[in-house]
Every structure is written in structure tokens, then in C-alpha cells.
């Protein structure tokens, strides 16, 4: 079930899309999906620990500019 969520998550979350794209460049599609799944688990653990609802954080401006220039 987690793998199925990891396959769909990059369509809706820009941070997970970036993780997926980065791993696709380095390996194959399965490796990219597993990287997204690990990130989802990290999100779940952080939400559970903090007790706060999940919120997508925007990337800092400098990081966004650096990606645009690359």
C-alpha cells in the first residue's frame, strides 16, 4: 500500500516530485519509487511525533533559484 501511495505522491507534492526526479536520474523507476516511499515514512513519523497536521513547506528562495539556474 505504501508503494502505491509513493507512485502517486509525486503528482501532488512538489517536494516528493523533486525526490522522484532526482532518483530517476541516478537509477531506475523502482529506486525512485522507494525513495519517495522512504520520504513518506519520514513525513508520517514526523507528523506522529509532533502531533501537528501535515503541511507542505515551500522551498527557500535561494534553493529555488539555484535549481532554476542548473
PDB file of N, CA and C in Angstrom:
ATOM      1  N   UNK A   1       0.826  -1.183   0.000  1.00  0.00           N
ATOM      2  CA  UNK A   1       0.000   0.000   0.000  1.00  0.00           C
ATOM      3  C   UNK A   1       0.879   1.259   0.000  1.00  0.00           C
ATOM      4  N   UNK A   2       1.954   1.235   0.737  1.00  0.00           N
ATOM      5  CA  UNK A   2       2.850   2.383   0.781  1.00  0.00           C
ATOM      6  C   UNK A   2       3.477   2.624  -0.589  1.00  0.00           C
ATOM      7  N   UNK A   3       3.803   1.563  -1.290  1.00  0.00           N
ATOM      8  CA  UNK A   3       4.415   1.705  -2.612  1.00  0.00           C
ATOM      9  C   UNK A   3       3.422   2.335  -3.583  1.00  0.00           C
ATOM     10  N   UNK A   4       2.164   1.958  -3.481  1.00  0.00           N
ATOM     11  CA  UNK A   4       1.149   2.558  -4.355  1.00  0.00           C
ATOM     12  C   UNK A   4       1.004   4.047  -4.057  1.00  0.00           C
ATOM     13  N   UNK A   5       1.041   4.419  -2.794  1.00  0.00           N
ATOM     14  CA  UNK A   5       0.990   5.839  -2.423  1.00  0.00           C
ATOM     15  C   UNK A   5       2.223   6.571  -2.947  1.00  0.00           C
ATOM     16  N   UNK A   6       3.374   5.907  -2.896  1.00  0.00           N
ATOM     17  CA  UNK A   6       4.612   6.519  -3.367  1.00  0.00           C
ATOM     18  C   UNK A   6       4.601   6.721  -4.885  1.00  0.00           C
ATOM     19  N   UNK A   7       3.862   5.890  -5.596  1.00  0.00           N
ATOM     20  CA  UNK A   7       3.765   6.061  -7.047  1.00  0.00           C
ATOM     21  C   UNK A   7       2.923   7.275  -7.404  1.00  0.00           C
ATOM     22  N   UNK A   8       1.919   7.584  -6.593  1.00  0.00           N
ATOM     23  CA  UNK A   8       1.026   8.702  -6.882  1.00  0.00           C
ATOM     24  C   UNK A   8       1.467  10.022  -6.254  1.00  0.00           C
ATOM     25  N   UNK A   9       2.180   9.958  -5.151  1.00  0.00           N
ATOM     26  CA  UNK A   9       2.531  11.158  -4.391  1.00  0.00           C
ATOM     27  C   UNK A   9       3.274  12.230  -5.185  1.00  0.00           C
ATOM     28  N   UNK A  10       4.206  11.887  -6.075  1.00  0.00           N
ATOM     29  CA  UNK A  10       4.916  12.947  -6.822  1.00  0.00           C
ATOM     30  C   UNK A  10       4.002  13.809  -7.695  1.00  0.00           C
ATOM     31  N   UNK A  11       2.828  13.330  -8.014  1.00  0.00           N
ATOM     32  CA  UNK A  11       1.890  14.122  -8.814  1.00  0.00           C
ATOM     33  C   UNK A  11       1.287  15.265  -8.011  1.00  0.00           C
ATOM     34  N   UNK A  12       1.242  15.110  -6.682  1.00  0.00           N
ATOM     35  CA  UNK A  12       0.535  16.071  -5.837  1.00  0.00           C
ATOM     36  C   UNK A  12       1.445  16.879  -4.931  1.00  0.00           C
ATOM     37  N   UNK A  13       2.663  16.429  -4.693  1.00  0.00           N
ATOM     38  CA  UNK A  13       3.567  17.098  -3.769  1.00  0.00           C
ATOM     39  C   UNK A  13       4.848  17.460  -4.508  1.00  0.00           C
ATOM     40  N   UNK A  14       5.146  18.753  -4.641  1.00  0.00           N
ATOM     41  CA  UNK A  14       6.346  19.155  -5.399  1.00  0.00           C
ATOM     42  C   UNK A  14       7.651  18.667  -4.785  1.00  0.00           C
ATOM     43  N   UNK A  15       7.715  18.558  -3.467  1.00  0.00           N
ATOM     44  CA  UNK A  15       8.940  18.062  -2.830  1.00  0.00           C
ATOM     45  C   UNK A  15       9.164  16.586  -3.162  1.00  0.00           C
ATOM     46  N   UNK A  16       8.095  15.811  -3.142  1.00  0.00           N
ATOM     47  CA  UNK A  16       8.224  14.394  -3.487  1.00  0.00           C
ATOM     48  C   UNK A  16       8.499  14.224  -4.980  1.00  0.00           C
ATOM     49  N   UNK A  17       7.981  15.127  -5.784  1.00  0.00           N
ATOM     50  CA  UNK A  17       8.276  15.093  -7.217  1.00  0.00           C
ATOM     51  C   UNK A  17       9.766  15.341  -7.456  1.00  0.00           C
ATOM     52  N   UNK A  18      10.346  16.240  -6.678  1.00  0.00           N
ATOM     53  CA  UNK A  18      11.782  16.522  -6.807  1.00  0.00           C
ATOM     54  C   UNK A  18      12.609  15.306  -6.387  1.00  0.00           C
ATOM     55  N   UNK A  19      12.217  14.656  -5.309  1.00  0.00           N
ATOM     56  CA  UNK A  19      12.916  13.436  -4.867  1.00  0.00           C
ATOM     57  C   UNK A  19      12.824  12.374  -5.957  1.00  0.00           C
ATOM     58  N   UNK A  20      11.640  12.205  -6.509  1.00  0.00           N
ATOM     59  CA  UNK A  20      11.431  11.201  -7.552  1.00  0.00           C
ATOM     60  C   UNK A  20      12.278  11.501  -8.783  1.00  0.00           C
ATOM     61  N   UNK A  21      12.291  12.752  -9.217  1.00  0.00           N
ATOM     62  CA  UNK A  21      13.075  13.136 -10.401  1.00  0.00           C
ATOM     63  C   UNK A  21      14.568  12.937 -10.164  1.00  0.00           C
ATOM     64  N   UNK A  22      15.041  13.320  -8.980  1.00  0.00           N
ATOM     65  CA  UNK A  22      16.471  13.168  -8.663  1.00  0.00           C
ATOM     66  C   UNK A  22      16.877  11.699  -8.687  1.00  0.00           C
ATOM     67  N   UNK A  23      16.043  10.840  -8.112  1.00  0.00           N
ATOM     68  CA  UNK A  23      16.373   9.415  -8.079  1.00  0.00           C
ATOM     69  C   UNK A  23      16.229   8.771  -9.455  1.00  0.00           C
ATOM     70  N   UNK A  24      15.318   9.264 -10.274  1.00  0.00           N
ATOM     71  CA  UNK A  24      15.212   8.743 -11.646  1.00  0.00           C
ATOM     72  C   UNK A  24      16.487   9.003 -12.422  1.00  0.00           C
ATOM     73  N   UNK A  25      17.112  10.152 -12.193  1.00  0.00           N
ATOM     74  CA  UNK A  25      18.369  10.465 -12.873  1.00  0.00           C
ATOM     75  C   UNK A  25      19.486   9.528 -12.436  1.00  0.00           C
ATOM     76  N   UNK A  26      19.457   9.128 -11.182  1.00  0.00           N
ATOM     77  CA  UNK A  26      20.524   8.294 -10.629  1.00  0.00           C
ATOM     78  C   UNK A  26      20.300   6.803 -10.828  1.00  0.00           C
ATOM     79  N   UNK A  27      19.047   6.386 -10.973  1.00  0.00           N
ATOM     80  CA  UNK A  27      18.774   4.955 -11.053  1.00  0.00           C
ATOM     81  C   UNK A  27      17.557   4.675 -11.896  1.00  0.00           C
ATOM     82  N   UNK A  28      16.809   3.661 -11.503  1.00  0.00           N
ATOM     83  CA  UNK A  28      15.627   3.308 -12.269  1.00  0.00           C
ATOM     84  C   UNK A  28      14.347   3.726 -11.538  1.00  0.00           C
ATOM     85  N   UNK A  29      13.218   3.454 -12.153  1.00  0.00           N
ATOM     86  CA  UNK A  29      11.925   3.889 -11.626  1.00  0.00           C
ATOM     87  C   UNK A  29      11.619   3.257 -10.261  1.00  0.00           C
ATOM     88  N   UNK A  30      11.984   2.005 -10.065  1.00  0.00           N
ATOM     89  CA  UNK A  30      11.724   1.356  -8.769  1.00  0.00           C
ATOM     90  C   UNK A  30      12.513   2.023  -7.642  1.00  0.00           C
ATOM     91  N   UNK A  31      13.743   2.375  -7.944  1.00  0.00           N
ATOM     92  CA  UNK A  31      14.572   3.068  -6.941  1.00  0.00           C
ATOM     93  C   UNK A  31      13.957   4.416  -6.581  1.00  0.00           C
ATOM     94  N   UNK A  32      13.439   5.124  -7.579  1.00  0.00           N
ATOM     95  CA  UNK A  32      12.807   6.421  -7.345  1.00  0.00           C
ATOM     96  C   UNK A  32      11.542   6.269  -6.499  1.00  0.00           C
ATOM     97  N   UNK A  33      10.755   5.241  -6.787  1.00  0.00           N
ATOM     98  CA  UNK A  33       9.534   4.999  -6.017  1.00  0.00           C
ATOM     99  C   UNK A  33       9.862   4.674  -4.565  1.00  0.00           C
ATOM    100  N   UNK A  34      10.895   3.901  -4.345  1.00  0.00           N
ATOM    101  CA  UNK A  34      11.271   3.548  -2.972  1.00  0.00           C
ATOM    102  C   UNK A  34      11.814   4.765  -2.219  1.00  0.00           C
ATOM    103  N   UNK A  35      12.496   5.656  -2.910  1.00  0.00           N
ATOM    104  CA  UNK A  35      12.969   6.884  -2.263  1.00  0.00           C
ATOM    105  C   UNK A  35      11.787   7.733  -1.811  1.00  0.00           C
ATOM    106  N   UNK A  36      10.753   7.815  -2.645  1.00  0.00           N
ATOM    107  CA  UNK A  36       9.551   8.559  -2.268  1.00  0.00           C
ATOM    108  C   UNK A  36       8.857   7.869  -1.103  1.00  0.00           C
ATOM    109  N   UNK A  37       8.811   6.544  -1.111  1.00  0.00           N
ATOM    110  CA  UNK A  37       8.188   5.805  -0.013  1.00  0.00           C
ATOM    111  C   UNK A  37       8.915   6.075   1.303  1.00  0.00           C
ATOM    112  N   UNK A  38      10.239   6.098   1.267  1.00  0.00           N
ATOM    113  CA  UNK A  38      11.006   6.396   2.488  1.00  0.00           C
ATOM    114  C   UNK A  38      10.715   7.815   2.979  1.00  0.00           C
ATOM    115  N   UNK A  39      10.579   8.751   2.055  1.00  0.00           N
ATOM    116  CA  UNK A  39      10.264  10.133   2.427  1.00  0.00           C
ATOM    117  C   UNK A  39       8.861  10.211   3.030  1.00  0.00           C
ATOM    118  N   UNK A  40       7.918   9.455   2.483  1.00  0.00           N
ATOM    119  CA  UNK A  40       6.572   9.413   3.054  1.00  0.00           C
ATOM    120  C   UNK A  40       6.584   8.880   4.481  1.00  0.00           C
ATOM    121  N   UNK A  41       7.387   7.866   4.723  1.00  0.00           N
ATOM    122  CA  UNK A  41       7.505   7.318   6.082  1.00  0.00           C
ATOM    123  C   UNK A  41       8.085   8.376   7.012  1.00  0.00           C
ATOM    124  N   UNK A  42       9.072   9.115   6.538  1.00  0.00           N
ATOM    125  CA  UNK A  42       9.646  10.187   7.356  1.00  0.00           C
ATOM    126  C   UNK A  42       8.582  11.234   7.683  1.00  0.00           C
ATOM    127  N   UNK A  43       7.756  11.589   6.691  1.00  0.00           N
ATOM    128  CA  UNK A  43       6.664  12.536   6.923  1.00  0.00           C
ATOM    129  C   UNK A  43       5.696  11.990   7.965  1.00  0.00           C
ATOM    130  N   UNK A  44       5.319  10.719   7.831  1.00  0.00           N
ATOM    131  CA  UNK A  44       4.373  10.106   8.771  1.00  0.00           C
ATOM    132  C   UNK A  44       4.923  10.105  10.196  1.00  0.00           C
ATOM    133  N   UNK A  45       6.183   9.756  10.336  1.00  0.00           N
ATOM    134  CA  UNK A  45       6.794   9.735  11.670  1.00  0.00           C
ATOM    135  C   UNK A  45       6.867  11.136  12.273  1.00  0.00           C
ATOM    136  N   UNK A  46       7.177  12.120  11.456  1.00  0.00           N
ATOM    137  CA  UNK A  46       7.268  13.496  11.947  1.00  0.00           C
ATOM    138  C   UNK A  46       5.896  14.012  12.379  1.00  0.00           C
ATOM    139  N   UNK A  47       4.865  13.701  11.605  1.00  0.00           N
ATOM    140  CA  UNK A  47       3.505  14.122  11.963  1.00  0.00           C
ATOM    141  C   UNK A  47       3.072  13.433  13.245  1.00  0.00           C
ATOM    142  N   UNK A  48       3.382  12.144  13.372  1.00  0.00           N
ATOM    143  CA  UNK A  48       3.009  11.404  14.575  1.00  0.00           C
ATOM    144  C   UNK A  48       3.725  11.964  15.804  1.00  0.00           C
ATOM    145  N   UNK A  49       5.001  12.260  15.652  1.00  0.00           N
ATOM    146  CA  UNK A  49       5.788  12.763  16.784  1.00  0.00           C
ATOM    147  C   UNK A  49       5.345  14.160  17.213  1.00  0.00           C
ATOM    148  N   UNK A  50       5.083  15.025  16.244  1.00  0.00           N
ATOM    149  CA  UNK A  50       4.745  16.407  16.574  1.00  0.00           C
ATOM    150  C   UNK A  50       3.280  16.587  16.957  1.00  0.00           C
ATOM    151  N   UNK A  51       2.423  15.725  16.440  1.00  0.00           N
ATOM    152  CA  UNK A  51       1.003  15.872  16.708  1.00  0.00           C
ATOM    153  C   UNK A  51       0.345  16.983  15.905  1.00  0.00           C
ATOM    154  N   UNK A  52       1.089  17.571  14.975  1.00  0.00           N
ATOM    155  CA  UNK A  52       0.585  18.647  14.122  1.00  0.00           C
ATOM    156  C   UNK A  52       0.159  18.064  12.772  1.00  0.00           C
ATOM    157  N   UNK A  53      -0.826  18.676  12.116  1.00  0.00           N
ATOM    158  CA  UNK A  53      -1.195  18.196  10.787  1.00  0.00           C
ATOM    159  C   UNK A  53      -0.086  18.474   9.778  1.00  0.00           C
ATOM    160  N   UNK A  54      -0.032  17.663   8.745  1.00  0.00           N
ATOM    161  CA  UNK A  54       0.990  17.811   7.712  1.00  0.00           C
ATOM    162  C   UNK A  54       0.735  19.071   6.899  1.00  0.00           C
ATOM    163  N   UNK A  55       1.797  19.816   6.631  1.00  0.00           N
ATOM    164  CA  UNK A  55       1.731  20.993   5.777  1.00  0.00           C
ATOM    165  C   UNK A  55       2.924  20.976   4.833  1.00  0.00           C
ATOM    166  N   UNK A  56       2.668  21.205   3.568  1.00  0.00           N
ATOM    167  CA  UNK A  56       3.760  21.277   2.601  1.00  0.00           C
ATOM    168  C   UNK A  56       4.498  22.589   2.821  1.00  0.00           C
ATOM    169  N   UNK A  57       5.800  22.506   2.968  1.00  0.00           N
ATOM    170  CA  UNK A  57       6.623  23.703   3.136  1.00  0.00           C
ATOM    171  C   UNK A  57       7.205  24.088   1.801  1.00  0.00           C
ATOM    172  N   UNK A  58       7.228  25.369   1.528  1.00  0.00           N
ATOM    173  CA  UNK A  58       7.816  25.823   0.274  1.00  0.00           C
ATOM    174  C   UNK A  58       9.330  25.853   0.419  1.00  0.00           C
ATOM    175  N   UNK A  59      10.017  25.690  -0.704  1.00  0.00           N
ATOM    176  CA  UNK A  59      11.476  25.704  -0.698  1.00  0.00           C
ATOM    177  C   UNK A  59      11.963  27.129  -0.485  1.00  0.00           C
ATOM    178  N   UNK A  60      13.087  27.316   0.209  1.00  0.00           N
ATOM    179  CA  UNK A  60      13.660  28.660   0.366  1.00  0.00           C
ATOM    180  C   UNK A  60      13.973  29.273  -0.993  1.00  0.00           C
ATOM    181  N   UNK A  61      13.922  30.574  -1.084  1.00  0.00           N
ATOM    182  CA  UNK A  61      14.102  31.284  -2.354  1.00  0.00           C
ATOM    183  C   UNK A  61      15.458  30.985  -2.985  1.00  0.00           C
ATOM    184  N   UNK A  62      16.510  30.959  -2.211  1.00  0.00           N
ATOM    185  CA  UNK A  62      17.847  30.709  -2.753  1.00  0.00           C
ATOM    186  C   UNK A  62      17.935  29.313  -3.357  1.00  0.00           C
ATOM    187  N   UNK A  63      17.323  28.344  -2.715  1.00  0.00           N
ATOM    188  CA  UNK A  63      17.352  26.978  -3.225  1.00  0.00           C
ATOM    189  C   UNK A  63      16.562  26.875  -4.525  1.00  0.00           C
ATOM    190  N   UNK A  64      15.441  27.550  -4.592  1.00  0.00           N
ATOM    191  CA  UNK A  64      14.632  27.544  -5.799  1.00  0.00           C
ATOM    192  C   UNK A  64      15.371  28.178  -6.965  1.00  0.00           C
ATOM    193  N   UNK A  65      16.059  29.293  -6.700  1.00  0.00           N
ATOM    194  CA  UNK A  65      16.831  29.969  -7.745  1.00  0.00           C
ATOM    195  C   UNK A  65      17.984  29.091  -8.222  1.00  0.00           C
ATOM    196  N   UNK A  66      18.635  28.405  -7.304  1.00  0.00           N
ATOM    197  CA  UNK A  66      19.757  27.537  -7.670  1.00  0.00           C
ATOM    198  C   UNK A  66      19.280  26.404  -8.572  1.00  0.00           C
ATOM    199  N   UNK A  67      18.102  25.849  -8.294  1.00  0.00           N
ATOM    200  CA  UNK A  67      17.572  24.789  -9.132  1.00  0.00           C
ATOM    201  C   UNK A  67      17.206  25.317 -10.514  1.00  0.00           C
ATOM    202  N   UNK A  68      16.680  26.533 -10.566  1.00  0.00           N
ATOM    203  CA  UNK A  68      16.277  27.119 -11.843  1.00  0.00           C
ATOM    204  C   UNK A  68      17.484  27.385 -12.736  1.00  0.00           C
ATOM    205  N   UNK A  69      18.606  27.733 -12.133  1.00  0.00           N
ATOM    206  CA  UNK A  69      19.804  28.040 -12.906  1.00  0.00           C
ATOM    207  C   UNK A  69      20.506  26.790 -13.387  1.00  0.00           C
ATOM    208  N   UNK A  70      20.303  25.663 -12.711  1.00  0.00           N
ATOM    209  CA  UNK A  70      21.011  24.416 -13.063  1.00  0.00           C
ATOM    210  C   UNK A  70      20.490  23.758 -14.292  1.00  0.00           C
TER     211      UNK A  70
END
